[in-house]
C-alpha cells in the first residue's frame, strides 16, 4: 500500500469543511480585539500562506508552516429553516509543492 500523508509531498489532496457556524466564514471586524487564532482564521476571502502562529507564537506546538498558498472561498451548501440553518462549505485543493528544507515536520 502506498504511503500517504506528510511523507508524500507529491500527492494531491483536498481540505473540506462543511459548517453552519457563520463566525468561520465571516471576517472579523477591524475593531475586534486580537485573538489567539487570528493567524489561522479561515474567513471568506482570506489567503493562508507562510507561518501561522497561535497566540503570537506563545504555543510553538500549534505553529503551522504552509509550503503553499491557499485562497479561501466559501460556497453555499444547504439551507434549512430556523436558526443555524445556513450551511456553507470550504474546499481547498492542496497540490504538490517541493518540501522546504528549513521547516519542521508539521509543514503542510
N, C-alpha and C. Protein backbone atom coordinates (compact mmCIF):
# COMPACT_ATOMS: atom_id res chain seq x y z
N UNK A 1 0.85 -1.18 0.00
CA UNK A 1 0.00 0.00 0.00
C UNK A 1 0.89 1.24 0.00
N UNK A 2 0.61 2.23 -0.87
CA UNK A 2 1.44 3.43 -0.91
C UNK A 2 1.30 4.25 0.37
N UNK A 3 2.38 4.90 0.73
CA UNK A 3 2.37 5.76 1.91
C UNK A 3 1.58 7.03 1.60
N UNK A 4 0.85 7.53 2.58
CA UNK A 4 0.09 8.77 2.43
C UNK A 4 0.46 9.73 3.53
N UNK A 5 0.10 11.00 3.37
CA UNK A 5 0.32 11.98 4.42
C UNK A 5 1.57 12.81 4.20
N UNK A 6 2.09 13.41 5.28
CA UNK A 6 3.20 14.34 5.17
C UNK A 6 4.45 13.74 4.53
N UNK A 7 4.60 12.41 4.59
CA UNK A 7 5.74 11.76 3.98
C UNK A 7 5.67 11.69 2.47
N UNK A 8 4.54 12.09 1.88
CA UNK A 8 4.34 12.04 0.43
C UNK A 8 3.96 13.43 -0.11
N UNK A 9 4.93 14.31 -0.24
CA UNK A 9 4.61 15.66 -0.71
C UNK A 9 4.20 15.71 -2.18
N UNK A 10 4.28 14.56 -2.89
CA UNK A 10 3.92 14.55 -4.31
C UNK A 10 2.45 14.24 -4.56
N UNK A 11 1.65 14.11 -3.52
CA UNK A 11 0.23 13.76 -3.69
C UNK A 11 -0.66 14.99 -3.61
N UNK A 12 -1.71 14.96 -4.40
CA UNK A 12 -2.75 15.99 -4.33
C UNK A 12 -3.68 15.67 -3.17
N UNK A 13 -4.39 16.68 -2.71
CA UNK A 13 -5.36 16.46 -1.64
C UNK A 13 -6.44 17.53 -1.68
N UNK A 14 -7.34 17.44 -0.74
CA UNK A 14 -8.43 18.40 -0.63
C UNK A 14 -8.78 18.56 0.84
N UNK A 15 -8.75 19.79 1.31
CA UNK A 15 -9.23 20.09 2.66
C UNK A 15 -10.68 20.52 2.49
N UNK A 16 -11.59 19.88 3.21
CA UNK A 16 -13.02 20.13 3.04
C UNK A 16 -13.66 20.37 4.41
N UNK A 17 -14.43 21.44 4.51
CA UNK A 17 -15.12 21.77 5.74
C UNK A 17 -16.55 22.16 5.40
N UNK A 18 -17.51 21.58 6.10
CA UNK A 18 -18.92 21.95 5.98
C UNK A 18 -19.37 22.40 7.37
N UNK A 19 -20.00 23.57 7.45
CA UNK A 19 -20.41 24.09 8.75
C UNK A 19 -21.62 25.01 8.63
N UNK A 20 -22.31 25.16 9.74
CA UNK A 20 -23.38 26.15 9.83
C UNK A 20 -22.99 27.25 10.83
N UNK A 21 -21.71 27.38 11.11
CA UNK A 21 -21.19 28.40 12.03
C UNK A 21 -20.67 29.61 11.25
N UNK A 22 -21.48 30.68 11.15
CA UNK A 22 -21.10 31.84 10.34
C UNK A 22 -19.83 32.54 10.79
N UNK A 23 -19.44 32.38 12.05
CA UNK A 23 -18.21 33.04 12.51
C UNK A 23 -16.98 32.48 11.80
N UNK A 24 -17.09 31.29 11.22
CA UNK A 24 -15.95 30.74 10.49
C UNK A 24 -15.77 31.40 9.13
N UNK A 25 -16.85 31.74 8.44
CA UNK A 25 -16.72 32.34 7.11
C UNK A 25 -16.79 33.86 7.11
N UNK A 26 -17.13 34.46 8.23
CA UNK A 26 -17.27 35.91 8.32
C UNK A 26 -15.97 36.53 8.84
N UNK A 27 -15.46 37.52 8.12
CA UNK A 27 -14.24 38.19 8.56
C UNK A 27 -14.50 38.96 9.85
N UNK A 28 -13.53 38.96 10.76
CA UNK A 28 -13.72 39.74 11.98
C UNK A 28 -13.75 41.23 11.66
N UNK A 29 -14.43 41.97 12.49
CA UNK A 29 -14.48 43.43 12.31
C UNK A 29 -13.11 44.01 12.62
N UNK A 30 -12.74 45.07 11.90
CA UNK A 30 -11.43 45.69 12.16
C UNK A 30 -11.24 46.12 13.62
N UNK A 31 -12.33 46.44 14.27
CA UNK A 31 -12.25 46.89 15.66
C UNK A 31 -12.22 45.73 16.66
N UNK A 32 -12.28 44.49 16.18
CA UNK A 32 -12.28 43.34 17.07
C UNK A 32 -10.95 43.23 17.82
N UNK A 33 -11.03 42.71 19.03
CA UNK A 33 -9.81 42.52 19.81
C UNK A 33 -8.99 41.39 19.19
N UNK A 34 -7.71 41.42 19.44
CA UNK A 34 -6.83 40.37 18.93
C UNK A 34 -7.17 39.05 19.62
N UNK A 35 -7.20 37.98 18.85
CA UNK A 35 -7.49 36.66 19.40
C UNK A 35 -6.31 35.73 19.16
N UNK A 36 -6.26 34.64 19.91
CA UNK A 36 -5.16 33.69 19.77
C UNK A 36 -5.10 33.06 18.39
N UNK A 37 -6.26 32.90 17.76
CA UNK A 37 -6.32 32.20 16.48
C UNK A 37 -6.28 33.12 15.26
N UNK A 38 -5.98 34.38 15.43
CA UNK A 38 -6.13 35.34 14.32
C UNK A 38 -5.32 34.99 13.08
N UNK A 39 -4.15 34.35 13.22
CA UNK A 39 -3.36 33.99 12.04
C UNK A 39 -3.91 32.75 11.34
N UNK A 40 -4.77 32.00 12.01
CA UNK A 40 -5.33 30.77 11.45
C UNK A 40 -6.78 30.91 11.03
N UNK A 41 -7.32 32.10 11.05
CA UNK A 41 -8.72 32.31 10.67
C UNK A 41 -8.95 31.88 9.24
N UNK A 42 -10.13 31.36 8.97
CA UNK A 42 -10.44 30.81 7.64
C UNK A 42 -11.65 31.50 7.01
N UNK A 43 -11.80 32.79 7.26
CA UNK A 43 -12.97 33.51 6.74
C UNK A 43 -12.87 33.75 5.24
N UNK A 44 -14.00 34.08 4.66
CA UNK A 44 -14.15 34.33 3.23
C UNK A 44 -13.12 35.35 2.75
N UNK A 45 -12.46 35.01 1.63
CA UNK A 45 -11.52 35.93 1.00
C UNK A 45 -10.12 35.90 1.58
N UNK A 46 -9.90 35.17 2.64
CA UNK A 46 -8.58 35.09 3.28
C UNK A 46 -7.65 34.23 2.44
N UNK A 47 -6.38 34.54 2.46
CA UNK A 47 -5.35 33.72 1.84
C UNK A 47 -4.41 33.25 2.94
N UNK A 48 -4.23 31.93 3.03
CA UNK A 48 -3.32 31.37 4.03
C UNK A 48 -2.01 31.02 3.34
N UNK A 49 -0.91 31.43 3.94
CA UNK A 49 0.42 31.12 3.42
C UNK A 49 1.45 31.36 4.50
N UNK A 50 2.60 30.76 4.36
CA UNK A 50 3.70 31.01 5.30
C UNK A 50 3.49 30.36 6.65
N UNK A 51 3.97 31.02 7.68
CA UNK A 51 3.90 30.50 9.04
C UNK A 51 2.68 31.08 9.75
N UNK A 52 1.87 30.19 10.31
CA UNK A 52 0.69 30.59 11.08
C UNK A 52 0.98 30.26 12.54
N UNK A 53 1.04 31.29 13.37
CA UNK A 53 1.35 31.10 14.78
C UNK A 53 0.10 31.25 15.62
N UNK A 54 0.03 30.52 16.70
CA UNK A 54 -1.08 30.60 17.65
C UNK A 54 -0.66 31.52 18.78
N UNK A 55 -1.46 32.51 19.08
CA UNK A 55 -1.22 33.45 20.18
C UNK A 55 0.17 34.09 20.05
N UNK A 56 0.45 34.63 18.86
CA UNK A 56 1.73 35.30 18.61
C UNK A 56 2.93 34.41 18.91
N UNK A 57 2.77 33.10 18.72
CA UNK A 57 3.87 32.17 18.90
C UNK A 57 4.07 31.65 20.30
N UNK A 58 3.13 31.95 21.21
CA UNK A 58 3.26 31.50 22.60
C UNK A 58 3.09 29.99 22.74
N UNK A 59 2.51 29.35 21.75
CA UNK A 59 2.29 27.90 21.78
C UNK A 59 2.94 27.30 20.53
N UNK A 60 4.23 27.06 20.62
CA UNK A 60 5.00 26.60 19.46
C UNK A 60 4.43 25.32 18.85
N UNK A 61 3.86 24.44 19.66
CA UNK A 61 3.30 23.20 19.13
C UNK A 61 2.12 23.45 18.19
N UNK A 62 1.50 24.61 18.28
CA UNK A 62 0.37 24.94 17.41
C UNK A 62 0.79 25.73 16.17
N UNK A 63 2.07 25.97 15.99
CA UNK A 63 2.55 26.69 14.82
C UNK A 63 2.49 25.78 13.60
N UNK A 64 2.01 26.33 12.50
CA UNK A 64 1.87 25.57 11.26
C UNK A 64 2.63 26.30 10.16
N UNK A 65 3.47 25.57 9.43
CA UNK A 65 4.23 26.14 8.32
C UNK A 65 3.63 25.63 7.01
N UNK A 66 3.05 26.53 6.25
CA UNK A 66 2.44 26.16 4.97
C UNK A 66 3.45 26.35 3.85
N UNK A 67 3.60 25.36 2.99
CA UNK A 67 4.52 25.47 1.86
C UNK A 67 3.82 26.08 0.65
N UNK A 68 2.51 26.02 0.63
CA UNK A 68 1.76 26.57 -0.49
C UNK A 68 1.00 27.83 -0.09
N UNK A 69 0.21 28.33 -1.01
CA UNK A 69 -0.65 29.48 -0.77
C UNK A 69 -2.07 29.04 -1.06
N UNK A 70 -2.98 29.31 -0.13
CA UNK A 70 -4.33 28.78 -0.20
C UNK A 70 -5.36 29.90 -0.05
N UNK A 71 -6.05 30.19 -1.17
CA UNK A 71 -7.14 31.16 -1.15
C UNK A 71 -8.41 30.50 -0.64
N UNK A 72 -9.18 31.20 0.17
CA UNK A 72 -10.37 30.64 0.79
C UNK A 72 -11.63 31.28 0.22
N UNK A 73 -12.50 30.46 -0.35
CA UNK A 73 -13.75 30.92 -0.94
C UNK A 73 -14.87 30.00 -0.48
N UNK A 74 -15.66 30.45 0.45
CA UNK A 74 -16.80 29.68 0.97
C UNK A 74 -17.93 29.65 -0.05
N UNK A 75 -18.63 28.53 -0.12
CA UNK A 75 -19.74 28.35 -1.06
C UNK A 75 -21.00 27.93 -0.31
N UNK A 76 -22.19 28.32 -0.82
CA UNK A 76 -23.43 27.84 -0.20
C UNK A 76 -23.52 26.31 -0.32
N UNK A 77 -24.03 25.68 0.71
CA UNK A 77 -24.16 24.22 0.69
C UNK A 77 -25.62 23.80 0.86
N UNK A 78 -26.28 24.31 1.92
CA UNK A 78 -27.65 23.87 2.21
C UNK A 78 -28.35 24.90 3.08
N UNK A 79 -29.63 25.06 2.86
CA UNK A 79 -30.46 25.95 3.69
C UNK A 79 -31.56 25.14 4.35
N UNK A 80 -31.69 25.32 5.65
CA UNK A 80 -32.78 24.71 6.41
C UNK A 80 -33.52 25.83 7.12
N UNK A 81 -34.78 25.63 7.42
CA UNK A 81 -35.49 26.65 8.18
C UNK A 81 -34.95 26.72 9.61
N UNK A 82 -35.06 27.87 10.20
CA UNK A 82 -34.69 28.04 11.60
C UNK A 82 -33.28 28.56 11.81
N UNK A 83 -33.00 28.85 13.07
CA UNK A 83 -31.68 29.36 13.44
C UNK A 83 -30.61 28.33 13.11
N UNK A 84 -29.52 28.79 12.59
CA UNK A 84 -28.41 27.89 12.25
C UNK A 84 -28.67 27.05 11.02
N UNK A 85 -29.61 27.46 10.20
CA UNK A 85 -29.98 26.66 9.03
C UNK A 85 -29.16 26.91 7.78
N UNK A 86 -28.25 27.89 7.82
CA UNK A 86 -27.42 28.17 6.66
C UNK A 86 -26.12 27.38 6.78
N UNK A 87 -25.89 26.51 5.81
CA UNK A 87 -24.66 25.72 5.77
C UNK A 87 -23.83 26.18 4.58
N UNK A 88 -22.53 26.28 4.78
CA UNK A 88 -21.60 26.59 3.71
C UNK A 88 -20.47 25.58 3.75
N UNK A 89 -19.76 25.49 2.63
CA UNK A 89 -18.59 24.62 2.61
C UNK A 89 -17.38 25.36 2.08
N UNK A 90 -16.23 24.90 2.51
CA UNK A 90 -14.95 25.41 2.06
C UNK A 90 -14.16 24.23 1.54
N UNK A 91 -13.78 24.27 0.28
CA UNK A 91 -12.97 23.22 -0.34
C UNK A 91 -11.67 23.85 -0.82
N UNK A 92 -10.57 23.38 -0.28
CA UNK A 92 -9.26 23.94 -0.62
C UNK A 92 -8.38 22.85 -1.22
N UNK A 93 -8.13 22.92 -2.53
CA UNK A 93 -7.24 21.93 -3.14
C UNK A 93 -5.81 22.11 -2.64
N UNK A 94 -5.16 21.00 -2.41
CA UNK A 94 -3.77 21.00 -1.97
C UNK A 94 -2.97 20.26 -3.03
N UNK A 95 -2.07 20.96 -3.69
CA UNK A 95 -1.28 20.36 -4.75
C UNK A 95 0.17 20.20 -4.29
N UNK A 96 0.91 19.32 -4.93
CA UNK A 96 2.29 19.10 -4.51
C UNK A 96 3.13 20.36 -4.60
N UNK A 97 3.91 20.58 -3.57
CA UNK A 97 4.86 21.69 -3.52
C UNK A 97 6.17 21.08 -3.04
N UNK A 98 7.27 21.42 -3.68
CA UNK A 98 8.54 20.86 -3.20
C UNK A 98 8.74 21.20 -1.72
N UNK A 99 9.17 20.22 -0.93
CA UNK A 99 9.36 20.47 0.51
C UNK A 99 10.41 21.52 0.77
N UNK A 100 10.14 22.37 1.74
CA UNK A 100 11.11 23.36 2.17
C UNK A 100 12.15 22.66 3.03
N UNK A 101 13.36 23.10 2.97
CA UNK A 101 14.41 22.43 3.72
C UNK A 101 14.57 22.98 5.13
N UNK A 102 13.95 24.11 5.42
CA UNK A 102 14.17 24.72 6.73
C UNK A 102 12.93 24.73 7.62
N UNK A 103 11.92 23.95 7.31
CA UNK A 103 10.73 23.93 8.14
C UNK A 103 10.60 22.61 8.86
N UNK A 104 10.01 22.63 10.07
CA UNK A 104 9.81 21.40 10.82
C UNK A 104 8.80 20.46 10.15
N UNK A 105 8.62 19.31 10.74
CA UNK A 105 7.78 18.27 10.16
C UNK A 105 6.30 18.63 10.08
N UNK A 106 5.84 19.65 10.79
CA UNK A 106 4.41 19.97 10.74
C UNK A 106 4.06 20.91 9.60
N UNK A 107 4.87 20.92 8.56
CA UNK A 107 4.56 21.72 7.37
C UNK A 107 3.46 21.06 6.57
N UNK A 108 2.64 21.89 5.87
CA UNK A 108 1.54 21.37 5.07
C UNK A 108 1.63 21.92 3.67
